[in-house]
Amino acid sequence: MTTYPDAVLEHYADRFILLRLSRWGISLVQYLANPFRYELLALTSEPLLPAQQAVALRIWQRWDTGLDVEGAATTPPVDPDELIDPRELMAQWRAEAEQAQQAVAHLPQRNGAIIEPLAHHRHERGAHRFSADFSRKHACKGA
């Protein structure tokens, strides 16, 4: 067991109480072992209470429907059971993304990016056949 000087113990105990780290289920002994790790945990937000979550869902629904604009008609109170759960919405979005990927799966790809194969040759046949022949044009003569 580690012993701490009184000044250090008082300082970190005060910080432990000030940051309310006990709400995360952390003991003072754990906090003293690595204070920096747990102080970063104190910066994260707490999960919403059920009433706060219902309000957040109602606000998100108004944003999605455009009813939050000033001067827009107000809607009657919404039953929390009618609101869409964010997890269900994420699952729906993932399913739509998988369908979109399946729709383009048959297209040729390179490193995951869809490409269009080009149907041309580097050198044209015919009159301009020797246009890229530098040795014939004596381009390297002066070197």
N, C-alpha and C. Protein backbone atom coordinates (compact mmCIF):
# COMPACT_ATOMS: atom_id res chain seq x y z
N MET A 1 0.84 -1.18 0.00
CA MET A 1 0.00 0.00 0.00
C MET A 1 0.88 1.24 0.00
N THR A 2 0.52 2.21 -0.78
CA THR A 2 1.30 3.44 -0.90
C THR A 2 0.84 4.44 0.14
N THR A 3 1.81 5.10 0.75
CA THR A 3 1.47 6.17 1.70
C THR A 3 1.78 7.50 1.04
N TYR A 4 0.93 8.47 1.32
CA TYR A 4 1.06 9.79 0.71
C TYR A 4 1.24 10.83 1.81
N PRO A 5 2.01 11.88 1.54
CA PRO A 5 2.10 12.97 2.52
C PRO A 5 0.73 13.64 2.68
N ASP A 6 0.51 14.24 3.84
CA ASP A 6 -0.79 14.87 4.13
C ASP A 6 -1.15 15.94 3.12
N ALA A 7 -0.18 16.76 2.68
CA ALA A 7 -0.48 17.85 1.74
C ALA A 7 -0.95 17.29 0.40
N VAL A 8 -0.29 16.24 -0.08
CA VAL A 8 -0.68 15.61 -1.35
C VAL A 8 -2.05 14.98 -1.23
N LEU A 9 -2.28 14.27 -0.12
CA LEU A 9 -3.56 13.61 0.09
C LEU A 9 -4.71 14.61 0.16
N GLU A 10 -4.51 15.72 0.87
CA GLU A 10 -5.55 16.74 0.97
C GLU A 10 -5.83 17.39 -0.39
N HIS A 11 -4.75 17.67 -1.14
CA HIS A 11 -4.94 18.30 -2.45
C HIS A 11 -5.75 17.39 -3.37
N TYR A 12 -5.32 16.14 -3.51
CA TYR A 12 -6.01 15.24 -4.44
C TYR A 12 -7.38 14.81 -3.93
N ALA A 13 -7.56 14.75 -2.64
CA ALA A 13 -8.89 14.43 -2.11
C ALA A 13 -9.87 15.56 -2.42
N ASP A 14 -9.40 16.80 -2.29
CA ASP A 14 -10.26 17.94 -2.64
C ASP A 14 -10.61 17.92 -4.14
N ARG A 15 -9.64 17.61 -4.99
CA ARG A 15 -9.91 17.53 -6.43
C ARG A 15 -10.86 16.38 -6.75
N PHE A 16 -10.71 15.26 -6.03
CA PHE A 16 -11.59 14.11 -6.23
C PHE A 16 -13.04 14.49 -5.95
N ILE A 17 -13.26 15.24 -4.89
CA ILE A 17 -14.61 15.68 -4.54
C ILE A 17 -15.10 16.74 -5.52
N LEU A 18 -14.22 17.68 -5.86
CA LEU A 18 -14.60 18.76 -6.78
C LEU A 18 -15.01 18.21 -8.15
N LEU A 19 -14.29 17.23 -8.65
CA LEU A 19 -14.58 16.65 -9.97
C LEU A 19 -15.70 15.61 -9.92
N ARG A 20 -16.18 15.31 -8.74
CA ARG A 20 -17.27 14.34 -8.54
C ARG A 20 -16.98 13.02 -9.24
N LEU A 21 -15.78 12.49 -9.00
CA LEU A 21 -15.39 11.25 -9.66
C LEU A 21 -16.06 10.02 -9.06
N SER A 22 -16.63 10.15 -7.89
CA SER A 22 -17.30 8.99 -7.29
C SER A 22 -18.53 8.59 -8.10
N ARG A 23 -19.10 9.52 -8.88
CA ARG A 23 -20.27 9.19 -9.70
C ARG A 23 -19.93 8.18 -10.79
N TRP A 24 -18.65 8.05 -11.12
CA TRP A 24 -18.21 7.07 -12.11
C TRP A 24 -17.83 5.74 -11.46
N GLY A 25 -17.96 5.63 -10.15
CA GLY A 25 -17.63 4.40 -9.45
C GLY A 25 -16.15 4.26 -9.17
N ILE A 26 -15.45 5.38 -9.07
CA ILE A 26 -14.01 5.37 -8.82
C ILE A 26 -13.78 5.68 -7.35
N SER A 27 -12.89 4.93 -6.74
CA SER A 27 -12.56 5.20 -5.35
C SER A 27 -11.39 6.18 -5.28
N LEU A 28 -11.19 6.75 -4.11
CA LEU A 28 -10.09 7.70 -3.91
C LEU A 28 -8.75 7.02 -4.10
N VAL A 29 -8.65 5.75 -3.70
CA VAL A 29 -7.39 5.01 -3.86
C VAL A 29 -7.07 4.82 -5.34
N GLN A 30 -8.08 4.50 -6.16
CA GLN A 30 -7.86 4.37 -7.60
C GLN A 30 -7.44 5.70 -8.21
N TYR A 31 -8.08 6.78 -7.77
CA TYR A 31 -7.76 8.10 -8.29
C TYR A 31 -6.32 8.49 -7.94
N LEU A 32 -5.90 8.18 -6.72
CA LEU A 32 -4.54 8.53 -6.30
C LEU A 32 -3.49 7.74 -7.08
N ALA A 33 -3.83 6.55 -7.55
CA ALA A 33 -2.88 5.74 -8.31
C ALA A 33 -2.57 6.38 -9.67
N ASN A 34 -3.56 7.03 -10.30
CA ASN A 34 -3.35 7.67 -11.60
C ASN A 34 -4.32 8.84 -11.75
N PRO A 35 -4.00 10.00 -11.15
CA PRO A 35 -4.94 11.12 -11.18
C PRO A 35 -5.22 11.66 -12.58
N PHE A 36 -4.24 11.67 -13.46
CA PHE A 36 -4.44 12.28 -14.78
C PHE A 36 -5.45 11.49 -15.62
N ARG A 37 -5.41 10.17 -15.49
CA ARG A 37 -6.35 9.34 -16.24
C ARG A 37 -7.79 9.63 -15.84
N TYR A 38 -8.02 9.73 -14.55
CA TYR A 38 -9.38 9.92 -14.07
C TYR A 38 -9.85 11.37 -14.20
N GLU A 39 -8.93 12.31 -14.25
CA GLU A 39 -9.35 13.70 -14.48
C GLU A 39 -9.85 13.87 -15.91
N LEU A 40 -9.29 13.12 -16.85
CA LEU A 40 -9.82 13.16 -18.22
C LEU A 40 -11.21 12.56 -18.27
N LEU A 41 -11.47 11.55 -17.44
CA LEU A 41 -12.80 10.96 -17.38
C LEU A 41 -13.81 11.97 -16.85
N ALA A 42 -13.39 12.86 -15.98
CA ALA A 42 -14.29 13.86 -15.42
C ALA A 42 -14.74 14.87 -16.47
N LEU A 43 -13.98 15.01 -17.56
CA LEU A 43 -14.34 15.96 -18.60
C LEU A 43 -15.45 15.44 -19.51
N THR A 44 -15.69 14.13 -19.51
CA THR A 44 -16.74 13.58 -20.35
C THR A 44 -18.10 13.85 -19.74
N SER A 45 -19.10 13.92 -20.56
CA SER A 45 -20.43 14.24 -20.06
C SER A 45 -21.12 12.99 -19.52
N GLU A 46 -22.01 13.22 -18.61
CA GLU A 46 -22.77 12.12 -18.03
C GLU A 46 -23.90 11.75 -18.98
N PRO A 47 -24.38 10.49 -18.90
CA PRO A 47 -25.52 10.13 -19.74
C PRO A 47 -26.76 10.90 -19.33
N LEU A 48 -27.66 11.11 -20.28
CA LEU A 48 -28.88 11.87 -20.01
C LEU A 48 -29.84 11.08 -19.13
N LEU A 49 -30.57 11.80 -18.32
CA LEU A 49 -31.65 11.20 -17.54
C LEU A 49 -32.80 10.88 -18.49
N PRO A 50 -33.72 9.98 -18.12
CA PRO A 50 -34.82 9.64 -19.02
C PRO A 50 -35.64 10.85 -19.49
N ALA A 51 -35.92 11.79 -18.60
CA ALA A 51 -36.68 12.99 -18.99
C ALA A 51 -35.87 13.84 -19.98
N GLN A 52 -34.56 13.95 -19.74
CA GLN A 52 -33.70 14.72 -20.64
C GLN A 52 -33.61 14.04 -22.01
N GLN A 53 -33.57 12.71 -22.02
CA GLN A 53 -33.51 11.99 -23.28
C GLN A 53 -34.79 12.20 -24.09
N ALA A 54 -35.94 12.22 -23.42
CA ALA A 54 -37.20 12.44 -24.13
C ALA A 54 -37.22 13.84 -24.75
N VAL A 55 -36.71 14.83 -24.02
CA VAL A 55 -36.67 16.20 -24.55
C VAL A 55 -35.70 16.26 -25.74
N ALA A 56 -34.55 15.60 -25.62
CA ALA A 56 -33.59 15.61 -26.72
C ALA A 56 -34.19 14.97 -27.97
N LEU A 57 -34.91 13.87 -27.80
CA LEU A 57 -35.54 13.22 -28.95
C LEU A 57 -36.59 14.11 -29.58
N ARG A 58 -37.34 14.84 -28.75
CA ARG A 58 -38.36 15.75 -29.27
C ARG A 58 -37.70 16.88 -30.06
N ILE A 59 -36.59 17.40 -29.55
CA ILE A 59 -35.88 18.47 -30.26
C ILE A 59 -35.34 17.95 -31.59
N TRP A 60 -34.75 16.74 -31.59
CA TRP A 60 -34.22 16.17 -32.83
C TRP A 60 -35.33 15.98 -33.84
N GLN A 61 -36.49 15.54 -33.37
CA GLN A 61 -37.61 15.33 -34.29
C GLN A 61 -38.04 16.67 -34.91
N ARG A 62 -38.07 17.72 -34.13
CA ARG A 62 -38.44 19.03 -34.67
C ARG A 62 -37.41 19.54 -35.66
N TRP A 63 -36.14 19.28 -35.40
CA TRP A 63 -35.10 19.67 -36.35
C TRP A 63 -35.27 18.92 -37.66
N ASP A 64 -35.55 17.61 -37.57
CA ASP A 64 -35.69 16.79 -38.76
C ASP A 64 -36.90 17.18 -39.59
N THR A 65 -37.98 17.63 -38.93
CA THR A 65 -39.20 17.97 -39.66
C THR A 65 -39.25 19.44 -40.03
N GLY A 66 -38.30 20.24 -39.54
CA GLY A 66 -38.27 21.66 -39.86
C GLY A 66 -39.25 22.48 -39.06
N LEU A 67 -39.75 21.95 -37.95
CA LEU A 67 -40.73 22.68 -37.16
C LEU A 67 -40.08 23.59 -36.13
N ASP A 68 -38.76 23.62 -36.08
CA ASP A 68 -38.08 24.45 -35.10
C ASP A 68 -37.84 25.87 -35.62
N VAL A 69 -38.21 26.14 -36.86
CA VAL A 69 -38.01 27.45 -37.47
C VAL A 69 -38.97 28.45 -36.83
N GLU A 70 -38.50 29.68 -36.64
CA GLU A 70 -39.37 30.70 -36.05
C GLU A 70 -40.56 30.97 -36.96
N GLY A 71 -41.71 31.10 -36.35
CA GLY A 71 -42.91 31.38 -37.10
C GLY A 71 -43.58 30.12 -37.63
N ALA A 72 -42.95 28.96 -37.44
CA ALA A 72 -43.56 27.72 -37.92
C ALA A 72 -44.66 27.29 -36.96
N ALA A 73 -45.57 26.51 -37.47
CA ALA A 73 -46.68 26.04 -36.65
C ALA A 73 -46.15 25.11 -35.57
N THR A 74 -46.68 25.26 -34.40
CA THR A 74 -46.26 24.38 -33.31
C THR A 74 -47.06 23.09 -33.38
N THR A 75 -46.43 22.03 -32.96
CA THR A 75 -47.08 20.73 -33.00
C THR A 75 -47.60 20.37 -31.62
N PRO A 76 -48.60 19.54 -31.55
CA PRO A 76 -49.07 19.11 -30.25
C PRO A 76 -48.00 18.28 -29.56
N PRO A 77 -48.07 18.12 -28.26
CA PRO A 77 -47.06 17.33 -27.54
C PRO A 77 -46.97 15.92 -28.12
N VAL A 78 -45.75 15.43 -28.21
CA VAL A 78 -45.50 14.13 -28.80
C VAL A 78 -45.38 13.09 -27.70
N ASP A 79 -46.00 11.96 -27.92
CA ASP A 79 -45.89 10.85 -26.99
C ASP A 79 -44.48 10.27 -27.11
N PRO A 80 -43.75 10.12 -25.99
CA PRO A 80 -42.37 9.60 -26.09
C PRO A 80 -42.29 8.21 -26.73
N ASP A 81 -43.38 7.44 -26.67
CA ASP A 81 -43.35 6.11 -27.30
C ASP A 81 -43.35 6.21 -28.82
N GLU A 82 -43.81 7.33 -29.37
CA GLU A 82 -43.85 7.50 -30.82
C GLU A 82 -42.51 7.96 -31.39
N LEU A 83 -41.60 8.40 -30.55
CA LEU A 83 -40.32 8.90 -31.02
C LEU A 83 -39.44 7.73 -31.45
N ILE A 84 -38.58 7.99 -32.40
CA ILE A 84 -37.69 6.96 -32.92
C ILE A 84 -36.47 6.86 -32.02
N ASP A 85 -36.13 5.63 -31.66
CA ASP A 85 -34.95 5.40 -30.86
C ASP A 85 -33.71 5.62 -31.73
N PRO A 86 -32.71 6.35 -31.25
CA PRO A 86 -31.51 6.60 -32.08
C PRO A 86 -30.82 5.32 -32.53
N ARG A 87 -30.86 4.27 -31.71
CA ARG A 87 -30.23 3.01 -32.11
C ARG A 87 -30.95 2.39 -33.30
N GLU A 88 -32.28 2.48 -33.31
CA GLU A 88 -33.04 1.97 -34.44
C GLU A 88 -32.75 2.79 -35.70
N LEU A 89 -32.61 4.10 -35.53
CA LEU A 89 -32.30 4.96 -36.66
C LEU A 89 -30.93 4.63 -37.25
N MET A 90 -29.94 4.39 -36.37
CA MET A 90 -28.60 4.02 -36.84
C MET A 90 -28.64 2.68 -37.57
N ALA A 91 -29.42 1.72 -37.05
CA ALA A 91 -29.53 0.42 -37.72
C ALA A 91 -30.18 0.58 -39.10
N GLN A 92 -31.17 1.47 -39.19
CA GLN A 92 -31.82 1.72 -40.48
C GLN A 92 -30.83 2.35 -41.46
N TRP A 93 -30.03 3.31 -41.00
CA TRP A 93 -29.04 3.94 -41.86
C TRP A 93 -27.99 2.93 -42.33
N ARG A 94 -27.57 2.04 -41.43
CA ARG A 94 -26.58 1.02 -41.82
C ARG A 94 -27.17 0.11 -42.90
N ALA A 95 -28.43 -0.28 -42.74
CA ALA A 95 -29.07 -1.14 -43.74
C ALA A 95 -29.15 -0.43 -45.09
N GLU A 96 -29.48 0.86 -45.08
CA GLU A 96 -29.53 1.61 -46.33
C GLU A 96 -28.14 1.71 -46.97
N ALA A 97 -27.11 1.87 -46.14
CA ALA A 97 -25.74 1.96 -46.67
C ALA A 97 -25.33 0.63 -47.29
N GLU A 98 -25.71 -0.49 -46.66
CA GLU A 98 -25.38 -1.80 -47.22
C GLU A 98 -26.09 -2.01 -48.55
N GLN A 99 -27.34 -1.57 -48.66
CA GLN A 99 -28.06 -1.69 -49.92
C GLN A 99 -27.40 -0.85 -51.01
N ALA A 100 -26.94 0.34 -50.65
CA ALA A 100 -26.26 1.19 -51.63
C ALA A 100 -24.95 0.55 -52.08
N GLN A 101 -24.23 -0.10 -51.16
CA GLN A 101 -22.99 -0.76 -51.53
C GLN A 101 -23.26 -1.96 -52.44
N GLN A 102 -24.33 -2.69 -52.18
CA GLN A 102 -24.67 -3.83 -53.03
C GLN A 102 -25.07 -3.38 -54.43
N ALA A 103 -25.65 -2.18 -54.53
CA ALA A 103 -26.08 -1.68 -55.84
C ALA A 103 -24.89 -1.38 -56.75
N VAL A 104 -23.74 -1.07 -56.19
CA VAL A 104 -22.56 -0.73 -56.99
C VAL A 104 -21.46 -1.79 -56.88
N ALA A 105 -21.77 -2.93 -56.27
CA ALA A 105 -20.75 -3.96 -56.06
C ALA A 105 -20.26 -4.57 -57.37
N HIS A 106 -21.09 -4.57 -58.41
CA HIS A 106 -20.71 -5.18 -59.68
C HIS A 106 -19.79 -4.29 -60.51
N LEU A 107 -19.65 -3.02 -60.16
CA LEU A 107 -18.81 -2.10 -60.94
C LEU A 107 -17.34 -2.38 -60.67
N PRO A 108 -16.47 -2.16 -61.66
CA PRO A 108 -15.03 -2.39 -61.44
C PRO A 108 -14.48 -1.41 -60.42
N GLN A 109 -13.62 -1.94 -59.54
CA GLN A 109 -13.06 -1.11 -58.48
C GLN A 109 -11.56 -1.28 -58.41
N ARG A 110 -10.90 -0.25 -57.92
CA ARG A 110 -9.47 -0.30 -57.64
C ARG A 110 -9.27 0.31 -56.26
N ASN A 111 -8.75 -0.48 -55.32
CA ASN A 111 -8.56 -0.05 -53.94
C ASN A 111 -9.86 0.46 -53.32
N GLY A 112 -10.97 -0.14 -53.67
CA GLY A 112 -12.26 0.23 -53.10
C GLY A 112 -12.96 1.36 -53.82
N ALA A 113 -12.29 2.06 -54.70
CA ALA A 113 -12.91 3.16 -55.43
C ALA A 113 -13.38 2.67 -56.79
N ILE A 114 -14.57 3.09 -57.15
CA ILE A 114 -15.13 2.68 -58.43
C ILE A 114 -14.38 3.41 -59.55
N ILE A 115 -13.98 2.66 -60.56
CA ILE A 115 -13.25 3.26 -61.69
C ILE A 115 -14.00 2.98 -62.97
N GLU A 116 -13.73 3.79 -63.96
CA GLU A 116 -14.27 3.56 -65.30
C GLU A 116 -13.10 3.19 -66.19
N PRO A 117 -13.06 1.96 -66.67
CA PRO A 117 -11.94 1.57 -67.52
C PRO A 117 -11.96 2.38 -68.82
N LEU A 118 -10.82 2.90 -69.17
CA LEU A 118 -10.72 3.72 -70.37
C LEU A 118 -10.41 2.84 -71.58
N ALA A 119 -10.99 3.17 -72.70
CA ALA A 119 -10.81 2.38 -73.92
C ALA A 119 -10.01 3.17 -74.94
N HIS A 120 -8.81 3.57 -74.57
CA HIS A 120 -7.96 4.26 -75.53
C HIS A 120 -6.53 3.77 -75.34
N HIS A 121 -5.70 4.06 -76.32
CA HIS A 121 -4.31 3.63 -76.29
C HIS A 121 -3.44 4.86 -76.07
N ARG A 122 -2.26 4.62 -75.57
CA ARG A 122 -1.36 5.72 -75.27
C ARG A 122 -0.90 6.43 -76.55
N HIS A 123 -0.58 5.70 -77.56
CA HIS A 123 -0.12 6.30 -78.81
C HIS A 123 -1.17 6.08 -79.89
N GLU A 124 -1.50 7.14 -80.55
CA GLU A 124 -2.50 7.03 -81.61
C GLU A 124 -1.89 6.35 -82.82
N ARG A 125 -2.70 5.64 -83.52
CA ARG A 125 -2.27 5.01 -84.77
C ARG A 125 -2.48 6.01 -85.91
N GLY A 126 -1.63 6.00 -86.88
CA GLY A 126 -1.84 6.85 -88.05
C GLY A 126 -0.80 7.94 -88.19
N ALA A 127 -1.27 9.14 -88.52
CA ALA A 127 -0.38 10.25 -88.89
C ALA A 127 0.51 10.70 -87.74
N HIS A 128 0.05 10.62 -86.53
CA HIS A 128 0.82 11.13 -85.39
C HIS A 128 1.55 10.00 -84.67
N ARG A 129 1.90 9.00 -85.37
CA ARG A 129 2.47 7.82 -84.76
C ARG A 129 3.82 8.09 -84.11
N PHE A 130 4.60 8.98 -84.69
CA PHE A 130 5.94 9.24 -84.18
C PHE A 130 6.01 10.53 -83.38
N SER A 131 4.90 11.05 -82.92
CA SER A 131 4.92 12.35 -82.22
C SER A 131 5.61 12.27 -80.87
N ALA A 132 5.66 11.10 -80.24
CA ALA A 132 6.29 10.99 -78.94
C ALA A 132 7.65 10.32 -79.02
N ASP A 133 8.18 10.18 -80.19
CA ASP A 133 9.48 9.53 -80.39
C ASP A 133 10.57 10.59 -80.28
N PHE A 134 11.11 10.77 -79.10
CA PHE A 134 12.08 11.84 -78.86
C PHE A 134 13.42 11.56 -79.53
N SER A 135 13.78 10.30 -79.64
CA SER A 135 15.06 10.01 -80.29
C SER A 135 15.01 10.37 -81.77
N ARG A 136 13.88 10.24 -82.40
CA ARG A 136 13.73 10.59 -83.80
C ARG A 136 13.76 12.11 -83.97
N LYS A 137 13.20 12.83 -83.00
CA LYS A 137 13.20 14.29 -83.11
C LYS A 137 14.52 14.90 -82.68
N HIS A 138 15.42 14.09 -82.21
CA HIS A 138 16.73 14.53 -81.75
C HIS A 138 16.62 15.51 -80.59
N ALA A 139 15.71 15.20 -79.66
CA ALA A 139 15.51 16.08 -78.51
C ALA A 139 16.67 15.98 -77.54
N CYS A 140 17.39 14.91 -77.55
CA CYS A 140 18.47 14.73 -76.57
C CYS A 140 19.82 15.10 -77.15
N LYS A 141 19.89 15.76 -78.29
CA LYS A 141 21.14 16.05 -78.98
C LYS A 141 22.06 16.96 -78.18
N GLY A 142 21.50 18.02 -77.59
CA GLY A 142 22.34 19.00 -76.92
C GLY A 142 22.84 18.55 -75.56
N ALA A 143 22.40 17.45 -75.03
CA ALA A 143 22.75 17.04 -73.68
C ALA A 143 24.06 16.35 -73.58
